């Protein structure tokens, strides 16, 4: 999809808000939802399928036959009495929508990131409700197009930012509303992990059980490679590292980390004014950076002042990416001195933790400086931590402002049956997904300040090429 097609799609969808060729699926209270799982990898089978099994699973879609078999085995383990022969299977989700759309109330999309937008939009066109794993989309253009489609077709949506339904992120926002953190003008986000590679691995033919053309989807068809001592194989988890299939560290982990400052400070209410890569350390061609520092500026929001938000990720230059320094599946950099972290964070850790053995602000999170110390927030909506601990006594527990949610996935199902919004629907997920994608654009653009108007960069035409993407024939989201 080129930029003209993207503008046409999002513009037409926004203009036709309220119109739907197919009405959203209506499921009464007490009724089970008919659900299809698209993407039967680790996240889909080992986490989401357990939640889906509380409803009625009617279909699986995955280009890897072994993953389909794993999904069947998981269902039999969850419910030994189930007749799995009634669950339809497809290697290509496009065929699922052609042949089985009328049998489905909701889809759960747990694919590689380059497959998030198309099945979501196909589902919405059929009036099917959509749960999509984080990050919402591969590009900012896809996130905006998915958001426009959700408005047009009126379906219930949810992005898999499970921390957003946790108590911690809501408590953080309540502290903020009570004035505990004062006027926040600068925040530091960090992740001591890395999804990249220092060099490109040798490529070979894909295994026979995988339909590799379908696995690649709208992205270029690349070679497959097996795991080595440190890095996993491309089709398991290492796809996060590659520009055409994942979003690097910020896509996998920043999707959790950005959530807290965004919700707490209301950064979803207005797009950033600018984004700039202050430092980028590249590795293999075609892979995301091995480290980066990206800076966003946000305008004032009502009485709240403008905010500068920093993102740091990855490994310091010169660190050997081998055991015991690094473990590839989760991108874990083990030693604190090897992690590429904000100097402000290290300064406050040294001052407040005294560099005690094992004492730190954690592997990932957000830091805000306060009068007399700092407050940090971990990934997945973890509760505020005050440093020094005595600071907590200065701030009594604030009054509750936000609903407490027992289950992120259950919230999605409840929203469908009750005809209401889910906790992280596309109204919230699209701004968050766009922020992740803009981090990627800044990394690719180099050290330049990019001015953003909500849909495009106004001062750099070359960087606008990264807002949308071109698709292989048959895979366009238009």
Foldseek 3Di string as FASTA:
>chain_A
DFPVVLCVLLVVLQVQQPAAPAAADADAPPAAFEEEEEALACCRQVPVVLVNLVGHYAEYEAQFVVSVVSNLVSSCVSPVPDDCVRRYYYPAVVVCLVPPLVVGQEYEYDAFQQPQQQVLLSNLNNNHEYEYEFLNHLFLSSLSSSLSSCRNSVHAYHYNLFLLLAPALLLLLLLLVVCLFPQFAEKEWEFQFWQADQEDDDFDADDPSGPQPSSLFFFDRDGWDQDDQAAHTCRHASVCFFSSGHLIPCGVFVLFAVVRCCVNVVCLVAAWFKKFKPDFAPHYPRTGTQWTKMWTWHCADVPHHIYIYIYIFHWDPPDDCHPPQFHHRGRHGDDPVGGTGDPVQVVQQCVQVVPDVPGGLDRIWMWTAGVPHIWTAGGSSRHIQTGPNVSVVVRPRGDRDDDNDDGQVVQSVVCSNVVHHHSHGSSNSSSSSNVSNVNRLNNVVHGDMFGDDSQATPPDPVSRCSNDDGTDPPRDSD
